[in-house]
Amino acid sequence: MEVAEIAAVCHDANAALCRSFGDFTQVGWRLAELWQRESAIKGVRFALAHPDAGPASQHDAWLADKVAAGWKLGPTKDAVAKTHPCMVPYDELPWEQRAKDHLFRAIVDALTQG
């Protein structure tokens, strides 16, 4: 399976998980903005390059990428203002947000083993 295909599965699973928590702001892969798709692809590449890294490391890599792109902490995810409420250390994330990192890693692992 190609990296972009794995990223699409991760993204769509994330969107479904968000909906289960009552967050209907996440769109599916086909409707996602380019920056969202690129972020998921970077996440898959990180997971493949660091197979022993856990969910906290996955979040740290995402956070570093966002900071490098000029994003900052804000009350809502806003691509224009480059703000995101998850721009905090992993331990400060609500459990729903931490669950997304666990799910992401599990999907990458499941689709790349065997």
PDB file of N, CA and C in Angstrom:
ATOM      1  N   MET A   1       0.855  -1.178   0.000  1.00  0.00           N
ATOM      2  CA  MET A   1       0.000   0.000   0.000  1.00  0.00           C
ATOM      3  C   MET A   1       0.900   1.241   0.000  1.00  0.00           C
ATOM      4  N   GLU A   2       0.537   2.223  -0.787  1.00  0.00           N
ATOM      5  CA  GLU A   2       1.300   3.472  -0.893  1.00  0.00           C
ATOM      6  C   GLU A   2       1.062   4.372   0.332  1.00  0.00           C
ATOM      7  N   VAL A   3       2.026   5.238   0.603  1.00  0.00           N
ATOM      8  CA  VAL A   3       1.939   6.146   1.748  1.00  0.00           C
ATOM      9  C   VAL A   3       0.661   6.981   1.684  1.00  0.00           C
ATOM     10  N   ALA A   4       0.336   7.523   0.528  1.00  0.00           N
ATOM     11  CA  ALA A   4      -0.863   8.358   0.407  1.00  0.00           C
ATOM     12  C   ALA A   4      -2.136   7.546   0.667  1.00  0.00           C
ATOM     13  N   GLU A   5      -2.147   6.292   0.293  1.00  0.00           N
ATOM     14  CA  GLU A   5      -3.316   5.445   0.555  1.00  0.00           C
ATOM     15  C   GLU A   5      -3.477   5.206   2.056  1.00  0.00           C
ATOM     16  N   ILE A   6      -2.362   4.956   2.735  1.00  0.00           N
ATOM     17  CA  ILE A   6      -2.404   4.766   4.180  1.00  0.00           C
ATOM     18  C   ILE A   6      -2.857   6.065   4.843  1.00  0.00           C
ATOM     19  N   ALA A   7      -2.334   7.188   4.372  1.00  0.00           N
ATOM     20  CA  ALA A   7      -2.721   8.488   4.918  1.00  0.00           C
ATOM     21  C   ALA A   7      -4.218   8.721   4.754  1.00  0.00           C
ATOM     22  N   ALA A   8      -4.775   8.316   3.634  1.00  0.00           N
ATOM     23  CA  ALA A   8      -6.210   8.488   3.399  1.00  0.00           C
ATOM     24  C   ALA A   8      -7.031   7.674   4.400  1.00  0.00           C
ATOM     25  N   VAL A   9      -6.602   6.453   4.661  1.00  0.00           N
ATOM     26  CA  VAL A   9      -7.301   5.614   5.644  1.00  0.00           C
ATOM     27  C   VAL A   9      -7.204   6.260   7.027  1.00  0.00           C
ATOM     28  N   CYS A  10      -6.009   6.709   7.396  1.00  0.00           N
ATOM     29  CA  CYS A  10      -5.815   7.369   8.691  1.00  0.00           C
ATOM     30  C   CYS A  10      -6.698   8.610   8.811  1.00  0.00           C
ATOM     31  N   HIS A  11      -6.713   9.410   7.763  1.00  0.00           N
ATOM     32  CA  HIS A  11      -7.508  10.649   7.781  1.00  0.00           C
ATOM     33  C   HIS A  11      -8.996  10.339   7.932  1.00  0.00           C
ATOM     34  N   ASP A  12      -9.485   9.401   7.142  1.00  0.00           N
ATOM     35  CA  ASP A  12     -10.915   9.076   7.199  1.00  0.00           C
ATOM     36  C   ASP A  12     -11.290   8.454   8.546  1.00  0.00           C
ATOM     37  N   ALA A  13     -10.401   7.634   9.107  1.00  0.00           N
ATOM     38  CA  ALA A  13     -10.665   7.060  10.435  1.00  0.00           C
ATOM     39  C   ALA A  13     -10.693   8.163  11.492  1.00  0.00           C
ATOM     40  N   ASN A  14      -9.789   9.125  11.361  1.00  0.00           N
ATOM     41  CA  ASN A  14      -9.762  10.264  12.278  1.00  0.00           C
ATOM     42  C   ASN A  14     -11.071  11.051  12.188  1.00  0.00           C
ATOM     43  N   ALA A  15     -11.531  11.279  10.973  1.00  0.00           N
ATOM     44  CA  ALA A  15     -12.788  12.012  10.790  1.00  0.00           C
ATOM     45  C   ALA A  15     -13.950  11.253  11.430  1.00  0.00           C
ATOM     46  N   ALA A  16     -13.970   9.926  11.264  1.00  0.00           N
ATOM     47  CA  ALA A  16     -15.029   9.111  11.866  1.00  0.00           C
ATOM     48  C   ALA A  16     -14.939   9.144  13.389  1.00  0.00           C
ATOM     49  N   LEU A  17     -13.722   9.075  13.931  1.00  0.00           N
ATOM     50  CA  LEU A  17     -13.550   9.143  15.385  1.00  0.00           C
ATOM     51  C   LEU A  17     -14.032  10.496  15.904  1.00  0.00           C
ATOM     52  N   CYS A  18     -13.674  11.556  15.205  1.00  0.00           N
ATOM     53  CA  CYS A  18     -14.138  12.891  15.613  1.00  0.00           C
ATOM     54  C   CYS A  18     -15.655  12.956  15.636  1.00  0.00           C
ATOM     55  N   ARG A  19     -16.307  12.403  14.611  1.00  0.00           N
ATOM     56  CA  ARG A  19     -17.775  12.407  14.582  1.00  0.00           C
ATOM     57  C   ARG A  19     -18.346  11.651  15.783  1.00  0.00           C
ATOM     58  N   SER A  20     -17.671  10.560  16.190  1.00  0.00           N
ATOM     59  CA  SER A  20     -18.167   9.796  17.340  1.00  0.00           C
ATOM     60  C   SER A  20     -18.098  10.609  18.629  1.00  0.00           C
ATOM     61  N   PHE A  21     -17.245  11.627  18.662  1.00  0.00           N
ATOM     62  CA  PHE A  21     -17.128  12.518  19.820  1.00  0.00           C
ATOM     63  C   PHE A  21     -17.987  13.773  19.659  1.00  0.00           C
ATOM     64  N   GLY A  22     -18.744  13.848  18.560  1.00  0.00           N
ATOM     65  CA  GLY A  22     -19.597  15.006  18.336  1.00  0.00           C
ATOM     66  C   GLY A  22     -18.930  16.140  17.579  1.00  0.00           C
ATOM     67  N   ASP A  23     -17.729  15.891  17.049  1.00  0.00           N
ATOM     68  CA  ASP A  23     -17.007  16.903  16.264  1.00  0.00           C
ATOM     69  C   ASP A  23     -17.262  16.612  14.797  1.00  0.00           C
ATOM     70  N   PHE A  24     -18.055  17.440  14.167  1.00  0.00           N
ATOM     71  CA  PHE A  24     -18.413  17.230  12.764  1.00  0.00           C
ATOM     72  C   PHE A  24     -17.660  18.186  11.834  1.00  0.00           C
ATOM     73  N   THR A  25     -16.524  18.713  12.295  1.00  0.00           N
ATOM     74  CA  THR A  25     -15.744  19.664  11.495  1.00  0.00           C
ATOM     75  C   THR A  25     -14.770  18.980  10.546  1.00  0.00           C
ATOM     76  N   GLN A  26     -14.527  17.698  10.732  1.00  0.00           N
ATOM     77  CA  GLN A  26     -13.555  16.993   9.900  1.00  0.00           C
ATOM     78  C   GLN A  26     -14.243  16.450   8.641  1.00  0.00           C
ATOM     79  N   VAL A  27     -13.686  16.775   7.493  1.00  0.00           N
ATOM     80  CA  VAL A  27     -14.217  16.241   6.243  1.00  0.00           C
ATOM     81  C   VAL A  27     -13.385  15.033   5.833  1.00  0.00           C
ATOM     82  N   GLY A  28     -13.935  14.237   4.938  1.00  0.00           N
ATOM     83  CA  GLY A  28     -13.229  13.068   4.449  1.00  0.00           C
ATOM     84  C   GLY A  28     -12.042  13.436   3.564  1.00  0.00           C
ATOM     85  N   TRP A  29     -11.223  12.452   3.287  1.00  0.00           N
ATOM     86  CA  TRP A  29      -9.991  12.624   2.510  1.00  0.00           C
ATOM     87  C   TRP A  29     -10.235  13.333   1.185  1.00  0.00           C
ATOM     88  N   ARG A  30     -11.262  12.931   0.465  1.00  0.00           N
ATOM     89  CA  ARG A  30     -11.512  13.502  -0.867  1.00  0.00           C
ATOM     90  C   ARG A  30     -11.881  14.980  -0.823  1.00  0.00           C
ATOM     91  N   LEU A  31     -12.414  15.434   0.292  1.00  0.00           N
ATOM     92  CA  LEU A  31     -12.794  16.839   0.438  1.00  0.00           C
ATOM     93  C   LEU A  31     -11.783  17.643   1.262  1.00  0.00           C
ATOM     94  N   ALA A  32     -10.798  16.962   1.818  1.00  0.00           N
ATOM     95  CA  ALA A  32      -9.822  17.625   2.689  1.00  0.00           C
ATOM     96  C   ALA A  32      -8.946  18.580   1.882  1.00  0.00           C
ATOM     97  N   GLU A  33      -8.559  19.655   2.559  1.00  0.00           N
ATOM     98  CA  GLU A  33      -7.645  20.619   1.954  1.00  0.00           C
ATOM     99  C   GLU A  33      -6.286  19.948   1.727  1.00  0.00           C
ATOM    100  N   LEU A  34      -5.523  20.481   0.792  1.00  0.00           N
ATOM    101  CA  LEU A  34      -4.201  19.933   0.482  1.00  0.00           C
ATOM    102  C   LEU A  34      -3.320  19.891   1.722  1.00  0.00           C
ATOM    103  N   TRP A  35      -3.341  20.936   2.552  1.00  0.00           N
ATOM    104  CA  TRP A  35      -2.494  20.967   3.749  1.00  0.00           C
ATOM    105  C   TRP A  35      -2.860  19.851   4.716  1.00  0.00           C
ATOM    106  N   GLN A  36      -4.134  19.473   4.763  1.00  0.00           N
ATOM    107  CA  GLN A  36      -4.559  18.384   5.640  1.00  0.00           C
ATOM    108  C   GLN A  36      -4.060  17.044   5.108  1.00  0.00           C
ATOM    109  N   ARG A  37      -4.161  16.859   3.808  1.00  0.00           N
ATOM    110  CA  ARG A  37      -3.672  15.615   3.208  1.00  0.00           C
ATOM    111  C   ARG A  37      -2.160  15.504   3.360  1.00  0.00           C
ATOM    112  N   GLU A  38      -1.459  16.611   3.149  1.00  0.00           N
ATOM    113  CA  GLU A  38      -0.001  16.599   3.306  1.00  0.00           C
ATOM    114  C   GLU A  38       0.399  16.293   4.743  1.00  0.00           C
ATOM    115  N   SER A  39      -0.354  16.810   5.703  1.00  0.00           N
ATOM    116  CA  SER A  39      -0.071  16.540   7.111  1.00  0.00           C
ATOM    117  C   SER A  39      -0.215  15.054   7.419  1.00  0.00           C
ATOM    118  N   ALA A  40      -1.259  14.434   6.891  1.00  0.00           N
ATOM    119  CA  ALA A  40      -1.462  12.997   7.113  1.00  0.00           C
ATOM    120  C   ALA A  40      -0.342  12.186   6.456  1.00  0.00           C
ATOM    121  N   ILE A  41       0.062  12.583   5.273  1.00  0.00           N
ATOM    122  CA  ILE A  41       1.160  11.891   4.584  1.00  0.00           C
ATOM    123  C   ILE A  41       2.450  12.012   5.392  1.00  0.00           C
ATOM    124  N   LYS A  42       2.730  13.201   5.917  1.00  0.00           N
ATOM    125  CA  LYS A  42       3.919  13.384   6.765  1.00  0.00           C
ATOM    126  C   LYS A  42       3.825  12.504   8.004  1.00  0.00           C
ATOM    127  N   GLY A  43       2.641  12.395   8.554  1.00  0.00           N
ATOM    128  CA  GLY A  43       2.447  11.546   9.731  1.00  0.00           C
ATOM    129  C   GLY A  43       2.740  10.087   9.435  1.00  0.00           C
ATOM    130  N   VAL A  44       2.290   9.613   8.283  1.00  0.00           N
ATOM    131  CA  VAL A  44       2.576   8.230   7.896  1.00  0.00           C
ATOM    132  C   VAL A  44       4.071   8.037   7.685  1.00  0.00           C
ATOM    133  N   ARG A  45       4.697   8.981   7.015  1.00  0.00           N
ATOM    134  CA  ARG A  45       6.149   8.877   6.796  1.00  0.00           C
ATOM    135  C   ARG A  45       6.901   8.835   8.121  1.00  0.00           C
ATOM    136  N   PHE A  46       6.479   9.667   9.085  1.00  0.00           N
ATOM    137  CA  PHE A  46       7.117   9.644  10.403  1.00  0.00           C
ATOM    138  C   PHE A  46       6.935   8.271  11.046  1.00  0.00           C
ATOM    139  N   ALA A  47       5.729   7.749  11.014  1.00  0.00           N
ATOM    140  CA  ALA A  47       5.448   6.451  11.637  1.00  0.00           C
ATOM    141  C   ALA A  47       6.287   5.342  11.005  1.00  0.00           C
ATOM    142  N   LEU A  48       6.435   5.389   9.691  1.00  0.00           N
ATOM    143  CA  LEU A  48       7.232   4.365   9.008  1.00  0.00           C
ATOM    144  C   LEU A  48       8.715   4.501   9.327  1.00  0.00           C
ATOM    145  N   ALA A  49       9.194   5.725   9.454  1.00  0.00           N
ATOM    146  CA  ALA A  49      10.611   5.963   9.747  1.00  0.00           C
ATOM    147  C   ALA A  49      10.947   5.698  11.214  1.00  0.00           C
ATOM    148  N   HIS A  50       9.944   5.735  12.075  1.00  0.00           N
ATOM    149  CA  HIS A  50      10.145   5.560  13.522  1.00  0.00           C
ATOM    150  C   HIS A  50       9.151   4.526  14.048  1.00  0.00           C
ATOM    151  N   PRO A  51       9.330   3.259  13.681  1.00  0.00           N
ATOM    152  CA  PRO A  51       8.331   2.241  14.037  1.00  0.00           C
ATOM    153  C   PRO A  51       8.163   2.002  15.536  1.00  0.00           C
ATOM    154  N   ASP A  52       9.147   2.387  16.336  1.00  0.00           N
ATOM    155  CA  ASP A  52       9.034   2.188  17.780  1.00  0.00           C
ATOM    156  C   ASP A  52       8.514   3.424  18.509  1.00  0.00           C
ATOM    157  N   ALA A  53       8.272   4.494  17.775  1.00  0.00           N
ATOM    158  CA  ALA A  53       7.757   5.719  18.387  1.00  0.00           C
ATOM    159  C   ALA A  53       6.283   5.532  18.741  1.00  0.00           C
ATOM    160  N   GLY A  54       5.918   5.986  19.901  1.00  0.00           N
ATOM    161  CA  GLY A  54       4.537   5.853  20.349  1.00  0.00           C
ATOM    162  C   GLY A  54       3.677   7.034  19.950  1.00  0.00           C
ATOM    163  N   PRO A  55       2.439   7.034  20.388  1.00  0.00           N
ATOM    164  CA  PRO A  55       1.516   8.119  20.051  1.00  0.00           C
ATOM    165  C   PRO A  55       2.002   9.504  20.478  1.00  0.00           C
ATOM    166  N   ALA A  56       2.678   9.596  21.621  1.00  0.00           N
ATOM    167  CA  ALA A  56       3.176  10.905  22.058  1.00  0.00           C
ATOM    168  C   ALA A  56       4.222  11.429  21.082  1.00  0.00           C
ATOM    169  N   SER A  57       5.078  10.557  20.598  1.00  0.00           N
ATOM    170  CA  SER A  57       6.087  10.962  19.608  1.00  0.00           C
ATOM    171  C   SER A  57       5.427  11.343  18.297  1.00  0.00           C
ATOM    172  N   GLN A  58       4.358  10.640  17.944  1.00  0.00           N
ATOM    173  CA  GLN A  58       3.611  10.978  16.728  1.00  0.00           C
ATOM    174  C   GLN A  58       3.059  12.396  16.850  1.00  0.00           C
ATOM    175  N   HIS A  59       2.486  12.707  18.010  1.00  0.00           N
ATOM    176  CA  HIS A  59       1.964  14.057  18.235  1.00  0.00           C
ATOM    177  C   HIS A  59       3.092  15.086  18.211  1.00  0.00           C
ATOM    178  N   ASP A  60       4.219  14.767  18.852  1.00  0.00           N
ATOM    179  CA  ASP A  60       5.346  15.702  18.881  1.00  0.00           C
ATOM    180  C   ASP A  60       5.832  16.026  17.470  1.00  0.00           C
ATOM    181  N   ALA A  61       5.855  15.023  16.597  1.00  0.00           N
ATOM    182  CA  ALA A  61       6.277  15.246  15.209  1.00  0.00           C
ATOM    183  C   ALA A  61       5.266  16.145  14.498  1.00  0.00           C
ATOM    184  N   TRP A  62       3.984  15.890  14.719  1.00  0.00           N
ATOM    185  CA  TRP A  62       2.933  16.727  14.136  1.00  0.00           C
ATOM    186  C   TRP A  62       3.066  18.159  14.635  1.00  0.00           C
ATOM    187  N   LEU A  63       3.278  18.307  15.945  1.00  0.00           N
ATOM    188  CA  LEU A  63       3.396  19.623  16.556  1.00  0.00           C
ATOM    189  C   LEU A  63       4.600  20.384  15.988  1.00  0.00           C
ATOM    190  N   ALA A  64       5.737  19.714  15.871  1.00  0.00           N
ATOM    191  CA  ALA A  64       6.940  20.352  15.316  1.00  0.00           C
ATOM    192  C   ALA A  64       6.706  20.797  13.876  1.00  0.00           C
ATOM    193  N   ASP A  65       6.011  19.983  13.118  1.00  0.00           N
ATOM    194  CA  ASP A  65       5.711  20.337  11.728  1.00  0.00           C
ATOM    195  C   ASP A  65       4.809  21.565  11.668  1.00  0.00           C
ATOM    196  N   LYS A  66       3.818  21.609  12.536  1.00  0.00           N
ATOM    197  CA  LYS A  66       2.908  22.759  12.569  1.00  0.00           C
ATOM    198  C   LYS A  66       3.645  24.035  12.976  1.00  0.00           C
ATOM    199  N   VAL A  67       4.480  23.945  14.009  1.00  0.00           N
ATOM    200  CA  VAL A  67       5.245  25.112  14.460  1.00  0.00           C
ATOM    201  C   VAL A  67       6.125  25.618  13.320  1.00  0.00           C
ATOM    202  N   ALA A  68       6.794  24.697  12.622  1.00  0.00           N
ATOM    203  CA  ALA A  68       7.663  25.081  11.504  1.00  0.00           C
ATOM    204  C   ALA A  68       6.883  25.774  10.391  1.00  0.00           C
ATOM    205  N   ALA A  69       5.606  25.427  10.260  1.00  0.00           N
ATOM    206  CA  ALA A  69       4.761  26.027   9.226  1.00  0.00           C
ATOM    207  C   ALA A  69       4.083  27.314   9.698  1.00  0.00           C
ATOM    208  N   GLY A  70       4.374  27.739  10.940  1.00  0.00           N
ATOM    209  CA  GLY A  70       3.842  29.000  11.428  1.00  0.00           C
ATOM    210  C   GLY A  70       2.548  28.914  12.221  1.00  0.00           C
ATOM    211  N   TRP A  71       2.101  27.697  12.563  1.00  0.00           N
ATOM    212  CA  TRP A  71       0.870  27.541  13.338  1.00  0.00           C
ATOM    213  C   TRP A  71       1.138  27.859  14.807  1.00  0.00           C
ATOM    214  N   LYS A  72       0.064  28.236  15.512  1.00  0.00           N
ATOM    215  CA  LYS A  72       0.166  28.527  16.941  1.00  0.00           C
ATOM    216  C   LYS A  72      -1.105  28.057  17.646  1.00  0.00           C
ATOM    217  N   LEU A  73      -1.031  28.043  18.956  1.00  0.00           N
ATOM    218  CA  LEU A  73      -2.170  27.642  19.773  1.00  0.00           C
ATOM    219  C   LEU A  73      -3.303  28.642  19.592  1.00  0.00           C
ATOM    220  N   GLY A  74      -4.500  28.122  19.440  1.00  0.00           N
ATOM    221  CA  GLY A  74      -5.693  28.951  19.331  1.00  0.00           C
ATOM    222  C   GLY A  74      -6.912  28.149  19.729  1.00  0.00           C
ATOM    223  N   PRO A  75      -8.024  28.806  19.991  1.00  0.00           N
ATOM    224  CA  PRO A  75      -9.221  28.120  20.479  1.00  0.00           C
ATOM    225  C   PRO A  75      -9.878  27.205  19.436  1.00  0.00           C
ATOM    226  N   THR A  76      -9.628  27.470  18.153  1.00  0.00           N
ATOM    227  CA  THR A  76     -10.215  26.655  17.092  1.00  0.00           C
ATOM    228  C   THR A  76      -9.178  26.378  16.015  1.00  0.00           C
ATOM    229  N   LYS A  77      -9.428  25.326  15.247  1.00  0.00           N
ATOM    230  CA  LYS A  77      -8.569  25.047  14.104  1.00  0.00           C
ATOM    231  C   LYS A  77      -8.977  25.991  12.983  1.00  0.00           C
ATOM    232  N   ASP A  78      -8.043  26.821  12.567  1.00  0.00           N
ATOM    233  CA  ASP A  78      -8.298  27.836  11.548  1.00  0.00           C
ATOM    234  C   ASP A  78      -7.087  27.889  10.626  1.00  0.00           C
ATOM    235  N   ALA A  79      -7.238  27.380   9.426  1.00  0.00           N
ATOM    236  CA  ALA A  79      -6.114  27.307   8.483  1.00  0.00           C
ATOM    237  C   ALA A  79      -5.651  28.682   8.034  1.00  0.00           C
ATOM    238  N   VAL A  80      -6.539  29.644   7.979  1.00  0.00           N
ATOM    239  CA  VAL A  80      -6.160  30.991   7.558  1.00  0.00           C
ATOM    240  C   VAL A  80      -5.328  31.673   8.649  1.00  0.00           C
ATOM    241  N   ALA A  81      -5.807  31.604   9.879  1.00  0.00           N
ATOM    242  CA  ALA A  81      -5.088  32.211  11.005  1.00  0.00           C
ATOM    243  C   ALA A  81      -3.941  31.324  11.501  1.00  0.00           C
ATOM    244  N   LYS A  82      -3.932  30.086  11.036  1.00  0.00           N
ATOM    245  CA  LYS A  82      -2.944  29.075  11.457  1.00  0.00           C
ATOM    246  C   LYS A  82      -2.967  28.893  12.974  1.00  0.00           C
ATOM    247  N   THR A  83      -4.173  28.648  13.487  1.00  0.00           N
ATOM    248  CA  THR A  83      -4.336  28.341  14.907  1.00  0.00           C
ATOM    249  C   THR A  83      -4.947  26.954  15.047  1.00  0.00           C
ATOM    250  N   HIS A  84      -4.614  26.311  16.159  1.00  0.00           N
ATOM    251  CA  HIS A  84      -5.119  24.961  16.414  1.00  0.00           C
ATOM    252  C   HIS A  84      -5.130  24.723  17.921  1.00  0.00           C
ATOM    253  N   PRO A  85      -6.214  24.171  18.466  1.00  0.00           N
ATOM    254  CA  PRO A  85      -6.275  23.942  19.911  1.00  0.00           C
ATOM    255  C   PRO A  85      -5.376  22.798  20.399  1.00  0.00           C
ATOM    256  N   CYS A  86      -4.826  21.996  19.497  1.00  0.00           N
ATOM    257  CA  CYS A  86      -3.967  20.872  19.894  1.00  0.00           C
ATOM    258  C   CYS A  86      -2.481  21.211  19.864  1.00  0.00           C
ATOM    259  N   MET A  87      -2.161  22.483  19.784  1.00  0.00           N
ATOM    260  CA  MET A  87      -0.759  22.913  19.766  1.00  0.00           C
ATOM    261  C   MET A  87      -0.224  22.971  21.200  1.00  0.00           C
ATOM    262  N   VAL A  88      -0.309  21.848  21.882  1.00  0.00           N
ATOM    263  CA  VAL A  88       0.144  21.708  23.268  1.00  0.00           C
ATOM    264  C   VAL A  88       0.882  20.376  23.382  1.00  0.00           C
ATOM    265  N   PRO A  89       1.659  20.194  24.456  1.00  0.00           N
ATOM    266  CA  PRO A  89       2.301  18.892  24.662  1.00  0.00           C
ATOM    267  C   PRO A  89       1.250  17.780  24.741  1.00  0.00           C
ATOM    268  N   TYR A  90       1.660  16.584  24.356  1.00  0.00           N
ATOM    269  CA  TYR A  90       0.765  15.427  24.320  1.00  0.00           C
ATOM    270  C   TYR A  90       0.020  15.238  25.641  1.00  0.00           C
ATOM    271  N   ASP A  91       0.727  15.359  26.759  1.00  0.00           N
ATOM    272  CA  ASP A  91       0.111  15.137  28.069  1.00  0.00           C
ATOM    273  C   ASP A  91      -0.989  16.137  28.396  1.00  0.00           C
ATOM    274  N   GLU A  92      -1.031  17.250  27.684  1.00  0.00           N
ATOM    275  CA  GLU A  92      -2.057  18.264  27.931  1.00  0.00           C
ATOM    276  C   GLU A  92      -3.269  18.119  27.011  1.00  0.00           C
ATOM    277  N   LEU A  93      -3.201  17.187  26.089  1.00  0.00           N
ATOM    278  CA  LEU A  93      -4.323  16.969  25.173  1.00  0.00           C
ATOM    279  C   LEU A  93      -5.485  16.293  25.890  1.00  0.00           C
ATOM    280  N   PRO A  94      -6.707  16.623  25.518  1.00  0.00           N
ATOM    281  CA  PRO A  94      -7.856  15.861  26.030  1.00  0.00           C
ATOM    282  C   PRO A  94      -7.750  14.409  25.534  1.00  0.00           C
ATOM    283  N   TRP A  95      -8.363  13.493  26.254  1.00  0.00           N
ATOM    284  CA  TRP A  95      -8.233  12.081  25.897  1.00  0.00           C
ATOM    285  C   TRP A  95      -8.728  11.798  24.477  1.00  0.00           C
ATOM    286  N   GLU A  96      -9.723  12.547  24.006  1.00  0.00           N
ATOM    287  CA  GLU A  96     -10.227  12.331  22.645  1.00  0.00           C
ATOM    288  C   GLU A  96      -9.144  12.620  21.614  1.00  0.00           C
ATOM    289  N   GLN A  97      -8.359  13.645  21.866  1.00  0.00           N
ATOM    290  CA  GLN A  97      -7.287  13.997  20.931  1.00  0.00           C
ATOM    291  C   GLN A  97      -6.145  12.985  21.008  1.00  0.00           C
ATOM    292  N   ARG A  98      -5.851  12.492  22.209  1.00  0.00           N
ATOM    293  CA  ARG A  98      -4.820  11.455  22.337  1.00  0.00           C
ATOM    294  C   ARG A  98      -5.256  10.177  21.638  1.00  0.00           C
ATOM    295  N   ALA A  99      -6.546   9.896  21.672  1.00  0.00           N
ATOM    296  CA  ALA A  99      -7.059   8.696  21.006  1.00  0.00           C
ATOM    297  C   ALA A  99      -6.774   8.748  19.505  1.00  0.00           C
ATOM    298  N   LYS A 100      -6.802   9.941  18.931  1.00  0.00           N
ATOM    299  CA  LYS A 100      -6.525  10.080  17.497  1.00  0.00           C
ATOM    300  C   LYS A 100      -5.099   9.648  17.166  1.00  0.00           C
ATOM    301  N   ASP A 101      -4.145   9.971  18.046  1.00  0.00           N
ATOM    302  CA  ASP A 101      -2.759   9.562  17.810  1.00  0.00           C
ATOM    303  C   ASP A 101      -2.607   8.047  17.928  1.00  0.00           C
ATOM    304  N   HIS A 102      -3.303   7.443  18.881  1.00  0.00           N
ATOM    305  CA  HIS A 102      -3.275   5.978  19.016  1.00  0.00           C
ATOM    306  C   HIS A 102      -3.856   5.312  17.774  1.00  0.00           C
ATOM    307  N   LEU A 103      -4.981   5.827  17.316  1.00  0.00           N
ATOM    308  CA  LEU A 103      -5.634   5.275  16.140  1.00  0.00           C
ATOM    309  C   LEU A 103      -4.743   5.393  14.911  1.00  0.00           C
ATOM    310  N   PHE A 104      -4.137   6.544  14.720  1.00  0.00           N
ATOM    311  CA  PHE A 104      -3.254   6.781  13.577  1.00  0.00           C
ATOM    312  C   PHE A 104      -2.140   5.740  13.551  1.00  0.00           C
ATOM    313  N   ARG A 105      -1.447   5.574  14.690  1.00  0.00           N
ATOM    314  CA  ARG A 105      -0.334   4.615  14.755  1.00  0.00           C
ATOM    315  C   ARG A 105      -0.829   3.192  14.504  1.00  0.00           C
ATOM    316  N   ALA A 106      -1.962   2.834  15.076  1.00  0.00           N
ATOM    317  CA  ALA A 106      -2.487   1.479  14.906  1.00  0.00           C
ATOM    318  C   ALA A 106      -2.809   1.202  13.446  1.00  0.00           C
ATOM    319  N   ILE A 107      -3.359   2.162  12.746  1.00  0.00           N
ATOM    320  CA  ILE A 107      -3.689   1.969  11.332  1.00  0.00           C
ATOM    321  C   ILE A 107      -2.421   1.817  10.503  1.00  0.00           C
ATOM    322  N   VAL A 108      -1.442   2.676  10.726  1.00  0.00           N
ATOM    323  CA  VAL A 108      -0.186   2.554   9.979  1.00  0.00           C
ATOM    324  C   VAL A 108       0.428   1.183  10.227  1.00  0.00           C
ATOM    325  N   ASP A 109       0.479   0.766  11.473  1.00  0.00           N
ATOM    326  CA  ASP A 109       1.042  -0.546  11.807  1.00  0.00           C
ATOM    327  C   ASP A 109       0.267  -1.680  11.126  1.00  0.00           C
ATOM    328  N   ALA A 110      -1.050  -1.608  11.200  1.00  0.00           N
ATOM    329  CA  ALA A 110      -1.882  -2.668  10.615  1.00  0.00           C
ATOM    330  C   ALA A 110      -1.742  -2.768   9.108  1.00  0.00           C
ATOM    331  N   LEU A 111      -1.576  -1.641   8.455  1.00  0.00           N
ATOM    332  CA  LEU A 111      -1.519  -1.648   6.981  1.00  0.00           C
ATOM    333  C   LEU A 111      -0.120  -1.877   6.430  1.00  0.00           C
ATOM    334  N   THR A 112       0.886  -1.917   7.298  1.00  0.00           N
ATOM    335  CA  THR A 112       2.253  -2.088   6.796  1.00  0.00           C
ATOM    336  C   THR A 112       2.924  -3.353   7.313  1.00  0.00           C
ATOM    337  N   GLN A 113       2.253  -4.124   8.123  1.00  0.00           N
ATOM    338  CA  GLN A 113       2.840  -5.376   8.617  1.00  0.00           C
ATOM    339  C   GLN A 113       2.275  -6.560   7.850  1.00  0.00           C
ATOM    340  N   GLY A 114       3.131  -7.569   7.713  1.00  0.00           N
ATOM    341  CA  GLY A 114       2.698  -8.819   7.102  1.00  0.00           C
ATOM    342  C   GLY A 114       2.692  -8.730   5.643  1.00  0.00           C
TER     343      GLY A 114
END
